[in-house]
């Protein structure tokens, strides 16, 4: 495993290198659509908004609920459990009851694959 030094301070931090992993095949999503996926055991939501793809954690940061079971409203996903809302491109929590942002992952389309940048195992 290749490690990259990111902080030369006394509290040295190390991260593994990043790789692109396939999370779905084209055409998995129509416009303004979403799908649930798992990557290395983590729940990931993949969204197609217009002609762009986005990937976030699929678990609401307020209560355990799959966001892909919720309501998609433009570039906002609403949790099905307590109606917490998140801005998909940024993962930003948009008010009560959610206060913690979602993890957001870089996405690219390569050949017929939707790929997410992910830590190398």
PDB file of N, CA and C in Angstrom:
ATOM      1  N   UNK A   1       0.849  -1.175   0.000  1.00  0.00           N
ATOM      2  CA  UNK A   1       0.000   0.000   0.000  1.00  0.00           C
ATOM      3  C   UNK A   1       0.892   1.235   0.000  1.00  0.00           C
ATOM      4  N   UNK A   2       0.627   2.164  -0.883  1.00  0.00           N
ATOM      5  CA  UNK A   2       1.363   3.413  -0.993  1.00  0.00           C
ATOM      6  C   UNK A   2       0.791   4.413   0.001  1.00  0.00           C
ATOM      7  N   UNK A   3       1.641   5.013   0.819  1.00  0.00           N
ATOM      8  CA  UNK A   3       1.198   6.012   1.772  1.00  0.00           C
ATOM      9  C   UNK A   3       1.736   7.368   1.380  1.00  0.00           C
ATOM     10  N   UNK A   4       0.958   8.381   1.665  1.00  0.00           N
ATOM     11  CA  UNK A   4       1.359   9.738   1.325  1.00  0.00           C
ATOM     12  C   UNK A   4       1.398  10.557   2.602  1.00  0.00           C
ATOM     13  N   UNK A   5       2.528  11.193   2.873  1.00  0.00           N
ATOM     14  CA  UNK A   5       2.680  12.035   4.043  1.00  0.00           C
ATOM     15  C   UNK A   5       2.009  13.365   3.768  1.00  0.00           C
ATOM     16  N   UNK A   6       1.080  13.772   4.662  1.00  0.00           N
ATOM     17  CA  UNK A   6       0.350  15.006   4.395  1.00  0.00           C
ATOM     18  C   UNK A   6       0.566  16.079   5.452  1.00  0.00           C
ATOM     19  N   UNK A   7       1.266  15.759   6.546  1.00  0.00           N
ATOM     20  CA  UNK A   7       1.409  16.744   7.606  1.00  0.00           C
ATOM     21  C   UNK A   7       2.751  16.535   8.310  1.00  0.00           C
ATOM     22  N   UNK A   8       3.741  17.399   8.070  1.00  0.00           N
ATOM     23  CA  UNK A   8       5.051  17.191   8.668  1.00  0.00           C
ATOM     24  C   UNK A   8       5.143  17.638  10.124  1.00  0.00           C
ATOM     25  N   UNK A   9       4.029  17.998  10.754  1.00  0.00           N
ATOM     26  CA  UNK A   9       4.057  18.435  12.143  1.00  0.00           C
ATOM     27  C   UNK A   9       4.367  17.259  13.070  1.00  0.00           C
ATOM     28  N   UNK A  10       4.617  17.520  14.364  1.00  0.00           N
ATOM     29  CA  UNK A  10       4.871  16.426  15.299  1.00  0.00           C
ATOM     30  C   UNK A  10       3.748  15.397  15.346  1.00  0.00           C
ATOM     31  N   UNK A  11       2.528  15.824  15.079  1.00  0.00           N
ATOM     32  CA  UNK A  11       1.413  14.885  14.994  1.00  0.00           C
ATOM     33  C   UNK A  11       1.281  14.452  13.541  1.00  0.00           C
ATOM     34  N   UNK A  12       2.150  13.588  13.095  1.00  0.00           N
ATOM     35  CA  UNK A  12       2.202  13.179  11.699  1.00  0.00           C
ATOM     36  C   UNK A  12       0.943  12.423  11.309  1.00  0.00           C
ATOM     37  N   UNK A  13       0.376  12.793  10.174  1.00  0.00           N
ATOM     38  CA  UNK A  13      -0.812  12.120   9.657  1.00  0.00           C
ATOM     39  C   UNK A  13      -0.452  11.437   8.345  1.00  0.00           C
ATOM     40  N   UNK A  14      -0.971  10.260   8.147  1.00  0.00           N
ATOM     41  CA  UNK A  14      -0.742   9.490   6.929  1.00  0.00           C
ATOM     42  C   UNK A  14      -2.081   9.095   6.343  1.00  0.00           C
ATOM     43  N   UNK A  15      -2.178   9.138   5.021  1.00  0.00           N
ATOM     44  CA  UNK A  15      -3.386   8.653   4.368  1.00  0.00           C
ATOM     45  C   UNK A  15      -2.969   7.689   3.275  1.00  0.00           C
ATOM     46  N   UNK A  16      -3.852   6.756   2.968  1.00  0.00           N
ATOM     47  CA  UNK A  16      -3.552   5.849   1.869  1.00  0.00           C
ATOM     48  C   UNK A  16      -3.814   6.576   0.554  1.00  0.00           C
ATOM     49  N   UNK A  17      -3.253   6.060  -0.514  1.00  0.00           N
ATOM     50  CA  UNK A  17      -3.478   6.681  -1.814  1.00  0.00           C
ATOM     51  C   UNK A  17      -4.916   6.433  -2.257  1.00  0.00           C
ATOM     52  N   UNK A  18      -5.364   7.233  -3.187  1.00  0.00           N
ATOM     53  CA  UNK A  18      -6.728   7.155  -3.683  1.00  0.00           C
ATOM     54  C   UNK A  18      -6.742   6.470  -5.047  1.00  0.00           C
ATOM     55  N   UNK A  19      -7.814   5.738  -5.314  1.00  0.00           N
ATOM     56  CA  UNK A  19      -8.003   5.065  -6.594  1.00  0.00           C
ATOM     57  C   UNK A  19      -9.431   5.322  -7.064  1.00  0.00           C
ATOM     58  N   UNK A  20      -9.670   5.119  -8.342  1.00  0.00           N
ATOM     59  CA  UNK A  20     -11.017   5.240  -8.892  1.00  0.00           C
ATOM     60  C   UNK A  20     -11.642   3.857  -8.919  1.00  0.00           C
ATOM     61  N   UNK A  21     -12.839   3.722  -8.306  1.00  0.00           N
ATOM     62  CA  UNK A  21     -13.543   2.442  -8.260  1.00  0.00           C
ATOM     63  C   UNK A  21     -14.902   2.577  -8.922  1.00  0.00           C
ATOM     64  N   UNK A  22     -15.246   1.544  -9.704  1.00  0.00           N
ATOM     65  CA  UNK A  22     -16.548   1.523 -10.381  1.00  0.00           C
ATOM     66  C   UNK A  22     -17.651   1.332  -9.341  1.00  0.00           C
ATOM     67  N   UNK A  23     -18.654   2.186  -9.408  1.00  0.00           N
ATOM     68  CA  UNK A  23     -19.797   2.065  -8.493  1.00  0.00           C
ATOM     69  C   UNK A  23     -21.084   1.725  -9.241  1.00  0.00           C
ATOM     70  N   UNK A  24     -21.124   1.996 -10.543  1.00  0.00           N
ATOM     71  CA  UNK A  24     -22.298   1.672 -11.362  1.00  0.00           C
ATOM     72  C   UNK A  24     -21.891   1.702 -12.832  1.00  0.00           C
ATOM     73  N   UNK A  25     -22.689   1.064 -13.648  1.00  0.00           N
ATOM     74  CA  UNK A  25     -22.475   1.061 -15.094  1.00  0.00           C
ATOM     75  C   UNK A  25     -23.499   1.981 -15.758  1.00  0.00           C
ATOM     76  N   UNK A  26     -23.090   2.572 -16.868  1.00  0.00           N
ATOM     77  CA  UNK A  26     -24.019   3.385 -17.663  1.00  0.00           C
ATOM     78  C   UNK A  26     -24.891   2.458 -18.500  1.00  0.00           C
ATOM     79  N   UNK A  27     -26.095   2.768 -18.792  1.00  0.00           N
ATOM     80  CA  UNK A  27     -26.886   3.864 -18.246  1.00  0.00           C
ATOM     81  C   UNK A  27     -27.689   3.387 -17.034  1.00  0.00           C
ATOM     82  N   UNK A  28     -27.154   3.521 -15.848  1.00  0.00           N
ATOM     83  CA  UNK A  28     -27.836   3.093 -14.624  1.00  0.00           C
ATOM     84  C   UNK A  28     -28.887   4.089 -14.158  1.00  0.00           C
ATOM     85  N   UNK A  29     -28.682   5.354 -14.496  1.00  0.00           N
ATOM     86  CA  UNK A  29     -29.550   6.405 -13.992  1.00  0.00           C
ATOM     87  C   UNK A  29     -30.096   7.266 -15.120  1.00  0.00           C
ATOM     88  N   UNK A  30     -31.362   7.623 -15.006  1.00  0.00           N
ATOM     89  CA  UNK A  30     -31.917   8.630 -15.906  1.00  0.00           C
ATOM     90  C   UNK A  30     -31.703   9.986 -15.248  1.00  0.00           C
ATOM     91  N   UNK A  31     -32.041  11.062 -15.943  1.00  0.00           N
ATOM     92  CA  UNK A  31     -31.880  12.405 -15.362  1.00  0.00           C
ATOM     93  C   UNK A  31     -32.721  12.541 -14.116  1.00  0.00           C
ATOM     94  N   UNK A  32     -32.188  13.288 -13.136  1.00  0.00           N
ATOM     95  CA  UNK A  32     -32.863  13.528 -11.856  1.00  0.00           C
ATOM     96  C   UNK A  32     -33.226  12.199 -11.187  1.00  0.00           C
ATOM     97  N   UNK A  33     -32.226  11.325 -11.071  1.00  0.00           N
ATOM     98  CA  UNK A  33     -32.433   9.997 -10.507  1.00  0.00           C
ATOM     99  C   UNK A  33     -31.328   9.698  -9.508  1.00  0.00           C
ATOM    100  N   UNK A  34     -31.496   8.638  -8.717  1.00  0.00           N
ATOM    101  CA  UNK A  34     -30.509   8.241  -7.721  1.00  0.00           C
ATOM    102  C   UNK A  34     -30.521   6.731  -7.583  1.00  0.00           C
ATOM    103  N   UNK A  35     -29.411   6.196  -7.075  1.00  0.00           N
ATOM    104  CA  UNK A  35     -29.353   4.773  -6.784  1.00  0.00           C
ATOM    105  C   UNK A  35     -28.490   4.538  -5.561  1.00  0.00           C
ATOM    106  N   UNK A  36     -28.785   3.446  -4.869  1.00  0.00           N
ATOM    107  CA  UNK A  36     -28.018   3.030  -3.701  1.00  0.00           C
ATOM    108  C   UNK A  36     -26.952   2.051  -4.159  1.00  0.00           C
ATOM    109  N   UNK A  37     -25.768   2.165  -3.574  1.00  0.00           N
ATOM    110  CA  UNK A  37     -24.673   1.259  -3.898  1.00  0.00           C
ATOM    111  C   UNK A  37     -23.865   1.006  -2.628  1.00  0.00           C
ATOM    112  N   UNK A  38     -23.061  -0.028  -2.673  1.00  0.00           N
ATOM    113  CA  UNK A  38     -22.130  -0.310  -1.576  1.00  0.00           C
ATOM    114  C   UNK A  38     -20.735  -0.352  -2.159  1.00  0.00           C
ATOM    115  N   UNK A  39     -19.797   0.230  -1.436  1.00  0.00           N
ATOM    116  CA  UNK A  39     -18.402   0.223  -1.848  1.00  0.00           C
ATOM    117  C   UNK A  39     -17.573  -0.078  -0.611  1.00  0.00           C
ATOM    118  N   UNK A  40     -16.883  -1.206  -0.634  1.00  0.00           N
ATOM    119  CA  UNK A  40     -16.093  -1.656   0.520  1.00  0.00           C
ATOM    120  C   UNK A  40     -16.918  -1.631   1.804  1.00  0.00           C
ATOM    121  N   UNK A  41     -18.190  -2.048   1.713  1.00  0.00           N
ATOM    122  CA  UNK A  41     -19.056  -2.135   2.874  1.00  0.00           C
ATOM    123  C   UNK A  41     -19.733  -0.840   3.281  1.00  0.00           C
ATOM    124  N   UNK A  42     -19.442   0.265   2.599  1.00  0.00           N
ATOM    125  CA  UNK A  42     -20.062   1.560   2.932  1.00  0.00           C
ATOM    126  C   UNK A  42     -21.233   1.826   1.996  1.00  0.00           C
ATOM    127  N   UNK A  43     -22.286   2.410   2.560  1.00  0.00           N
ATOM    128  CA  UNK A  43     -23.463   2.778   1.774  1.00  0.00           C
ATOM    129  C   UNK A  43     -23.215   4.111   1.079  1.00  0.00           C
ATOM    130  N   UNK A  44     -23.323   4.097  -0.247  1.00  0.00           N
ATOM    131  CA  UNK A  44     -23.071   5.278  -1.074  1.00  0.00           C
ATOM    132  C   UNK A  44     -24.326   5.561  -1.904  1.00  0.00           C
ATOM    133  N   UNK A  45     -24.674   6.834  -2.027  1.00  0.00           N
ATOM    134  CA  UNK A  45     -25.761   7.268  -2.910  1.00  0.00           C
ATOM    135  C   UNK A  45     -25.134   7.896  -4.148  1.00  0.00           C
ATOM    136  N   UNK A  46     -25.615   7.499  -5.306  1.00  0.00           N
ATOM    137  CA  UNK A  46     -25.163   8.084  -6.569  1.00  0.00           C
ATOM    138  C   UNK A  46     -26.352   8.822  -7.163  1.00  0.00           C
ATOM    139  N   UNK A  47     -26.123  10.071  -7.550  1.00  0.00           N
ATOM    140  CA  UNK A  47     -27.178  10.926  -8.085  1.00  0.00           C
ATOM    141  C   UNK A  47     -26.803  11.382  -9.485  1.00  0.00           C
ATOM    142  N   UNK A  48     -27.801  11.481 -10.351  1.00  0.00           N
ATOM    143  CA  UNK A  48     -27.614  12.130 -11.649  1.00  0.00           C
ATOM    144  C   UNK A  48     -28.509  13.348 -11.662  1.00  0.00           C
ATOM    145  N   UNK A  49     -27.871  14.514 -11.709  1.00  0.00           N
ATOM    146  CA  UNK A  49     -28.595  15.781 -11.744  1.00  0.00           C
ATOM    147  C   UNK A  49     -28.220  16.472 -13.043  1.00  0.00           C
ATOM    148  N   UNK A  50     -29.165  16.556 -13.955  1.00  0.00           N
ATOM    149  CA  UNK A  50     -28.850  17.079 -15.283  1.00  0.00           C
ATOM    150  C   UNK A  50     -27.906  16.114 -15.964  1.00  0.00           C
ATOM    151  N   UNK A  51     -26.751  16.612 -16.408  1.00  0.00           N
ATOM    152  CA  UNK A  51     -25.774  15.727 -17.050  1.00  0.00           C
ATOM    153  C   UNK A  51     -24.579  15.422 -16.138  1.00  0.00           C
ATOM    154  N   UNK A  52     -24.704  15.697 -14.835  1.00  0.00           N
ATOM    155  CA  UNK A  52     -23.609  15.473 -13.880  1.00  0.00           C
ATOM    156  C   UNK A  52     -23.978  14.393 -12.877  1.00  0.00           C
ATOM    157  N   UNK A  53     -22.939  13.681 -12.442  1.00  0.00           N
ATOM    158  CA  UNK A  53     -23.090  12.647 -11.429  1.00  0.00           C
ATOM    159  C   UNK A  53     -22.454  13.113 -10.124  1.00  0.00           C
ATOM    160  N   UNK A  54     -23.054  12.692  -9.007  1.00  0.00           N
ATOM    161  CA  UNK A  54     -22.555  13.015  -7.670  1.00  0.00           C
ATOM    162  C   UNK A  54     -22.635  11.761  -6.818  1.00  0.00           C
ATOM    163  N   UNK A  55     -21.768  11.679  -5.811  1.00  0.00           N
ATOM    164  CA  UNK A  55     -21.813  10.567  -4.868  1.00  0.00           C
ATOM    165  C   UNK A  55     -21.635  11.111  -3.462  1.00  0.00           C
ATOM    166  N   UNK A  56     -22.485  10.643  -2.565  1.00  0.00           N
ATOM    167  CA  UNK A  56     -22.418  11.032  -1.160  1.00  0.00           C
ATOM    168  C   UNK A  56     -22.587   9.773  -0.314  1.00  0.00           C
ATOM    169  N   UNK A  57     -22.366   9.925   0.987  1.00  0.00           N
ATOM    170  CA  UNK A  57     -22.783   8.874   1.903  1.00  0.00           C
ATOM    171  C   UNK A  57     -24.279   8.683   1.703  1.00  0.00           C
ATOM    172  N   UNK A  58     -24.756   7.455   1.822  1.00  0.00           N
ATOM    173  CA  UNK A  58     -26.187   7.194   1.666  1.00  0.00           C
ATOM    174  C   UNK A  58     -26.892   7.111   3.018  1.00  0.00           C
ATOM    175  N   UNK A  59     -26.185   7.405   4.090  1.00  0.00           N
ATOM    176  CA  UNK A  59     -26.748   7.314   5.431  1.00  0.00           C
ATOM    177  C   UNK A  59     -26.947   8.714   5.991  1.00  0.00           C
ATOM    178  N   UNK A  60     -28.162   9.008   6.424  1.00  0.00           N
ATOM    179  CA  UNK A  60     -28.450  10.299   7.039  1.00  0.00           C
ATOM    180  C   UNK A  60     -27.583  10.471   8.282  1.00  0.00           C
ATOM    181  N   UNK A  61     -26.997  11.650   8.435  1.00  0.00           N
ATOM    182  CA  UNK A  61     -26.108  11.910   9.570  1.00  0.00           C
ATOM    183  C   UNK A  61     -26.889  12.158  10.864  1.00  0.00           C
ATOM    184  N   UNK A  62     -28.202  12.263  10.793  1.00  0.00           N
ATOM    185  CA  UNK A  62     -29.038  12.500  11.975  1.00  0.00           C
ATOM    186  C   UNK A  62     -29.504  11.178  12.596  1.00  0.00           C
ATOM    187  N   UNK A  63     -30.065  10.306  11.791  1.00  0.00           N
ATOM    188  CA  UNK A  63     -30.541   9.000  12.217  1.00  0.00           C
ATOM    189  C   UNK A  63     -30.229   8.035  11.081  1.00  0.00           C
ATOM    190  N   UNK A  64     -30.033   6.772  11.420  1.00  0.00           N
ATOM    191  CA  UNK A  64     -29.704   5.801  10.383  1.00  0.00           C
ATOM    192  C   UNK A  64     -30.904   5.629   9.456  1.00  0.00           C
ATOM    193  N   UNK A  65     -30.791   6.130   8.254  1.00  0.00           N
ATOM    194  CA  UNK A  65     -31.809   5.960   7.221  1.00  0.00           C
ATOM    195  C   UNK A  65     -31.108   6.085   5.877  1.00  0.00           C
ATOM    196  N   UNK A  66     -31.542   5.292   4.915  1.00  0.00           N
ATOM    197  CA  UNK A  66     -30.978   5.381   3.570  1.00  0.00           C
ATOM    198  C   UNK A  66     -31.575   6.587   2.861  1.00  0.00           C
ATOM    199  N   UNK A  67     -30.717   7.497   2.455  1.00  0.00           N
ATOM    200  CA  UNK A  67     -31.185   8.703   1.782  1.00  0.00           C
ATOM    201  C   UNK A  67     -31.847   8.397   0.445  1.00  0.00           C
ATOM    202  N   UNK A  68     -31.409   7.330  -0.213  1.00  0.00           N
ATOM    203  CA  UNK A  68     -32.014   6.976  -1.495  1.00  0.00           C
ATOM    204  C   UNK A  68     -33.449   6.465  -1.343  1.00  0.00           C
ATOM    205  N   UNK A  69     -33.908   6.273  -0.098  1.00  0.00           N
ATOM    206  CA  UNK A  69     -35.319   5.979   0.150  1.00  0.00           C
ATOM    207  C   UNK A  69     -36.109   7.277   0.342  1.00  0.00           C
ATOM    208  N   UNK A  70     -35.414   8.388   0.278  1.00  0.00           N
ATOM    209  CA  UNK A  70     -36.031   9.695   0.510  1.00  0.00           C
ATOM    210  C   UNK A  70     -36.518  10.350  -0.768  1.00  0.00           C
ATOM    211  N   UNK A  71     -36.692  11.660  -0.680  1.00  0.00           N
ATOM    212  CA  UNK A  71     -37.281  12.453  -1.761  1.00  0.00           C
ATOM    213  C   UNK A  71     -36.209  13.338  -2.399  1.00  0.00           C
ATOM    214  N   UNK A  72     -36.059  13.236  -3.702  1.00  0.00           N
ATOM    215  CA  UNK A  72     -35.116  14.052  -4.456  1.00  0.00           C
ATOM    216  C   UNK A  72     -35.845  15.295  -4.970  1.00  0.00           C
ATOM    217  N   UNK A  73     -35.312  16.472  -4.603  1.00  0.00           N
ATOM    218  CA  UNK A  73     -35.930  17.745  -4.995  1.00  0.00           C
ATOM    219  C   UNK A  73     -34.847  18.638  -5.585  1.00  0.00           C
ATOM    220  N   UNK A  74     -34.681  18.569  -6.900  1.00  0.00           N
ATOM    221  CA  UNK A  74     -33.606  19.331  -7.551  1.00  0.00           C
ATOM    222  C   UNK A  74     -32.261  18.805  -7.088  1.00  0.00           C
ATOM    223  N   UNK A  75     -31.436  19.676  -6.485  1.00  0.00           N
ATOM    224  CA  UNK A  75     -30.121  19.236  -6.016  1.00  0.00           C
ATOM    225  C   UNK A  75     -30.112  19.007  -4.494  1.00  0.00           C
ATOM    226  N   UNK A  76     -31.285  18.676  -3.941  1.00  0.00           N
ATOM    227  CA  UNK A  76     -31.435  18.411  -2.511  1.00  0.00           C
ATOM    228  C   UNK A  76     -32.054  17.036  -2.322  1.00  0.00           C
ATOM    229  N   UNK A  77     -31.511  16.273  -1.364  1.00  0.00           N
ATOM    230  CA  UNK A  77     -32.097  14.994  -0.981  1.00  0.00           C
ATOM    231  C   UNK A  77     -32.685  15.151   0.415  1.00  0.00           C
ATOM    232  N   UNK A  78     -33.899  14.659   0.579  1.00  0.00           N
ATOM    233  CA  UNK A  78     -34.589  14.729   1.867  1.00  0.00           C
ATOM    234  C   UNK A  78     -34.667  13.338   2.478  1.00  0.00           C
ATOM    235  N   UNK A  79     -34.223  13.221   3.713  1.00  0.00           N
ATOM    236  CA  UNK A  79     -34.242  11.950   4.432  1.00  0.00           C
ATOM    237  C   UNK A  79     -35.688  11.489   4.639  1.00  0.00           C
ATOM    238  N   UNK A  80     -35.949  10.187   4.449  1.00  0.00           N
ATOM    239  CA  UNK A  80     -37.312   9.694   4.621  1.00  0.00           C
ATOM    240  C   UNK A  80     -37.745   9.606   6.083  1.00  0.00           C
ATOM    241  N   UNK A  81     -36.812   9.668   7.016  1.00  0.00           N
ATOM    242  CA  UNK A  81     -37.150   9.453   8.417  1.00  0.00           C
ATOM    243  C   UNK A  81     -37.655  10.711   9.121  1.00  0.00           C
ATOM    244  N   UNK A  82     -36.866  11.783   9.096  1.00  0.00           N
ATOM    245  CA  UNK A  82     -37.243  13.017   9.793  1.00  0.00           C
ATOM    246  C   UNK A  82     -37.165  14.252   8.898  1.00  0.00           C
ATOM    247  N   UNK A  83     -37.115  14.049   7.595  1.00  0.00           N
ATOM    248  CA  UNK A  83     -37.109  15.117   6.596  1.00  0.00           C
ATOM    249  C   UNK A  83     -35.905  16.047   6.686  1.00  0.00           C
ATOM    250  N   UNK A  84     -34.787  15.531   7.187  1.00  0.00           N
ATOM    251  CA  UNK A  84     -33.544  16.286   7.110  1.00  0.00           C
ATOM    252  C   UNK A  84     -33.158  16.448   5.651  1.00  0.00           C
ATOM    253  N   UNK A  85     -32.611  17.602   5.287  1.00  0.00           N
ATOM    254  CA  UNK A  85     -32.303  17.888   3.881  1.00  0.00           C
ATOM    255  C   UNK A  85     -30.818  18.182   3.713  1.00  0.00           C
ATOM    256  N   UNK A  86     -30.259  17.690   2.591  1.00  0.00           N
ATOM    257  CA  UNK A  86     -28.844  17.867   2.279  1.00  0.00           C
ATOM    258  C   UNK A  86     -28.687  18.355   0.850  1.00  0.00           C
ATOM    259  N   UNK A  87     -27.758  19.289   0.645  1.00  0.00           N
ATOM    260  CA  UNK A  87     -27.390  19.755  -0.695  1.00  0.00           C
ATOM    261  C   UNK A  87     -26.471  18.698  -1.292  1.00  0.00           C
ATOM    262  N   UNK A  88     -26.879  18.072  -2.380  1.00  0.00           N
ATOM    263  CA  UNK A  88     -26.146  16.935  -2.949  1.00  0.00           C
ATOM    264  C   UNK A  88     -24.730  17.301  -3.409  1.00  0.00           C
ATOM    265  N   UNK A  89     -24.524  18.356  -4.210  1.00  0.00           N
ATOM    266  CA  UNK A  89     -23.161  18.625  -4.674  1.00  0.00           C
ATOM    267  C   UNK A  89     -22.148  18.880  -3.557  1.00  0.00           C
ATOM    268  N   UNK A  90     -22.577  19.489  -2.461  1.00  0.00           N
ATOM    269  CA  UNK A  90     -21.637  19.825  -1.384  1.00  0.00           C
ATOM    270  C   UNK A  90     -21.751  18.923  -0.159  1.00  0.00           C
ATOM    271  N   UNK A  91     -22.872  18.202  -0.017  1.00  0.00           N
ATOM    272  CA  UNK A  91     -23.126  17.396   1.170  1.00  0.00           C
ATOM    273  C   UNK A  91     -23.593  18.214   2.361  1.00  0.00           C
ATOM    274  N   UNK A  92     -23.753  19.514   2.179  1.00  0.00           N
ATOM    275  CA  UNK A  92     -24.082  20.429   3.272  1.00  0.00           C
ATOM    276  C   UNK A  92     -25.452  20.120   3.873  1.00  0.00           C
ATOM    277  N   UNK A  93     -25.491  20.017   5.218  1.00  0.00           N
ATOM    278  CA  UNK A  93     -26.751  19.869   5.942  1.00  0.00           C
ATOM    279  C   UNK A  93     -27.503  21.195   5.879  1.00  0.00           C
ATOM    280  N   UNK A  94     -28.787  21.142   5.558  1.00  0.00           N
ATOM    281  CA  UNK A  94     -29.555  22.370   5.316  1.00  0.00           C
ATOM    282  C   UNK A  94     -30.496  22.742   6.452  1.00  0.00           C
ATOM    283  N   UNK A  95     -30.190  22.358   7.667  1.00  0.00           N
ATOM    284  CA  UNK A  95     -31.000  22.780   8.810  1.00  0.00           C
ATOM    285  C   UNK A  95     -31.577  21.621   9.586  1.00  0.00           C
ATOM    286  N   UNK A  96     -32.232  21.968  10.681  1.00  0.00           N
ATOM    287  CA  UNK A  96     -32.781  20.958  11.594  1.00  0.00           C
ATOM    288  C   UNK A  96     -33.663  19.955  10.867  1.00  0.00           C
ATOM    289  N   UNK A  97     -33.597  18.698  11.272  1.00  0.00           N
ATOM    290  CA  UNK A  97     -32.863  18.178  12.415  1.00  0.00           C
ATOM    291  C   UNK A  97     -31.411  17.797  12.105  1.00  0.00           C
ATOM    292  N   UNK A  98     -30.967  17.932  10.860  1.00  0.00           N
ATOM    293  CA  UNK A  98     -29.594  17.538  10.528  1.00  0.00           C
ATOM    294  C   UNK A  98     -28.629  18.695  10.768  1.00  0.00           C
ATOM    295  N   UNK A  99     -27.492  18.377  11.359  1.00  0.00           N
ATOM    296  CA  UNK A  99     -26.477  19.387  11.623  1.00  0.00           C
ATOM    297  C   UNK A  99     -25.114  18.975  11.094  1.00  0.00           C
ATOM    298  N   UNK A 100     -24.942  17.708  10.758  1.00  0.00           N
ATOM    299  CA  UNK A 100     -23.667  17.197  10.265  1.00  0.00           C
ATOM    300  C   UNK A 100     -23.756  16.958   8.768  1.00  0.00           C
ATOM    301  N   UNK A 101     -22.786  17.496   8.015  1.00  0.00           N
ATOM    302  CA  UNK A 101     -22.755  17.339   6.561  1.00  0.00           C
ATOM    303  C   UNK A 101     -22.505  15.883   6.172  1.00  0.00           C
ATOM    304  N   UNK A 102     -22.865  15.557   4.943  1.00  0.00           N
ATOM    305  CA  UNK A 102     -22.588  14.240   4.380  1.00  0.00           C
ATOM    306  C   UNK A 102     -21.191  14.195   3.784  1.00  0.00           C
ATOM    307  N   UNK A 103     -20.590  13.020   3.775  1.00  0.00           N
ATOM    308  CA  UNK A 103     -19.353  12.809   3.015  1.00  0.00           C
ATOM    309  C   UNK A 103     -19.714  12.884   1.531  1.00  0.00           C
ATOM    310  N   UNK A 104     -18.874  13.548   0.752  1.00  0.00           N
ATOM    311  CA  UNK A 104     -19.057  13.691  -0.689  1.00  0.00           C
ATOM    312  C   UNK A 104     -17.819  13.120  -1.363  1.00  0.00           C
ATOM    313  N   UNK A 105     -18.025  12.375  -2.440  1.00  0.00           N
ATOM    314  CA  UNK A 105     -16.924  11.713  -3.129  1.00  0.00           C
ATOM    315  C   UNK A 105     -16.808  12.214  -4.565  1.00  0.00           C
ATOM    316  N   UNK A 106     -15.585  12.457  -5.040  1.00  0.00           N
ATOM    317  CA  UNK A 106     -15.398  12.835  -6.447  1.00  0.00           C
ATOM    318  C   UNK A 106     -15.901  11.715  -7.367  1.00  0.00           C
ATOM    319  N   UNK A 107     -16.525  12.101  -8.469  1.00  0.00           N
ATOM    320  CA  UNK A 107     -17.102  11.148  -9.425  1.00  0.00           C
ATOM    321  C   UNK A 107     -16.581  11.471 -10.818  1.00  0.00           C
ATOM    322  N   UNK A 108     -16.342  10.435 -11.593  1.00  0.00           N
ATOM    323  CA  UNK A 108     -16.028  10.613 -13.009  1.00  0.00           C
ATOM    324  C   UNK A 108     -16.708   9.488 -13.789  1.00  0.00           C
ATOM    325  N   UNK A 109     -16.916   9.732 -15.080  1.00  0.00           N
ATOM    326  CA  UNK A 109     -17.435   8.709 -15.981  1.00  0.00           C
ATOM    327  C   UNK A 109     -16.289   8.317 -16.896  1.00  0.00           C
ATOM    328  N   UNK A 110     -15.978   7.037 -16.891  1.00  0.00           N
ATOM    329  CA  UNK A 110     -14.879   6.495 -17.689  1.00  0.00           C
ATOM    330  C   UNK A 110     -15.416   5.306 -18.476  1.00  0.00           C
ATOM    331  N   UNK A 111     -15.393   5.438 -19.823  1.00  0.00           N
ATOM    332  CA  UNK A 111     -15.993   4.420 -20.695  1.00  0.00           C
ATOM    333  C   UNK A 111     -17.449   4.248 -20.298  1.00  0.00           C
ATOM    334  N   UNK A 112     -17.880   3.077 -19.851  1.00  0.00           N
ATOM    335  CA  UNK A 112     -19.279   2.877 -19.473  1.00  0.00           C
ATOM    336  C   UNK A 112     -19.444   2.769 -17.953  1.00  0.00           C
ATOM    337  N   UNK A 113     -18.480   3.277 -17.194  1.00  0.00           N
ATOM    338  CA  UNK A 113     -18.517   3.165 -15.739  1.00  0.00           C
ATOM    339  C   UNK A 113     -18.670   4.523 -15.056  1.00  0.00           C
ATOM    340  N   UNK A 114     -19.478   4.539 -14.000  1.00  0.00           N
ATOM    341  CA  UNK A 114     -19.513   5.669 -13.075  1.00  0.00           C
ATOM    342  C   UNK A 114     -18.534   5.295 -11.971  1.00  0.00           C
ATOM    343  N   UNK A 115     -17.481   6.101 -11.791  1.00  0.00           N
ATOM    344  CA  UNK A 115     -16.422   5.780 -10.845  1.00  0.00           C
ATOM    345  C   UNK A 115     -16.354   6.822  -9.738  1.00  0.00           C
ATOM    346  N   UNK A 116     -16.003   6.342  -8.537  1.00  0.00           N
ATOM    347  CA  UNK A 116     -15.867   7.180  -7.357  1.00  0.00           C
ATOM    348  C   UNK A 116     -14.419   7.107  -6.902  1.00  0.00           C
ATOM    349  N   UNK A 117     -13.842   8.272  -6.545  1.00  0.00           N
ATOM    350  CA  UNK A 117     -12.484   8.268  -5.994  1.00  0.00           C
ATOM    351  C   UNK A 117     -12.578   7.762  -4.557  1.00  0.00           C
ATOM    352  N   UNK A 118     -11.745   6.765  -4.247  1.00  0.00           N
ATOM    353  CA  UNK A 118     -11.901   6.012  -2.999  1.00  0.00           C
ATOM    354  C   UNK A 118     -10.532   5.639  -2.432  1.00  0.00           C
ATOM    355  N   UNK A 119     -10.393   5.575  -1.104  1.00  0.00           N
ATOM    356  CA  UNK A 119      -9.101   5.156  -0.537  1.00  0.00           C
ATOM    357  C   UNK A 119      -8.747   3.738  -0.969  1.00  0.00           C
ATOM    358  N   UNK A 120      -7.499   3.561  -1.343  1.00  0.00           N
ATOM    359  CA  UNK A 120      -7.019   2.232  -1.746  1.00  0.00           C
ATOM    360  C   UNK A 120      -6.980   1.325  -0.530  1.00  0.00           C
ATOM    361  N   UNK A 121      -7.476   0.124  -0.698  1.00  0.00           N
ATOM    362  CA  UNK A 121      -7.517  -0.831   0.436  1.00  0.00           C
ATOM    363  C   UNK A 121      -6.141  -1.396   0.723  1.00  0.00           C
TER     364      UNK A 121
END
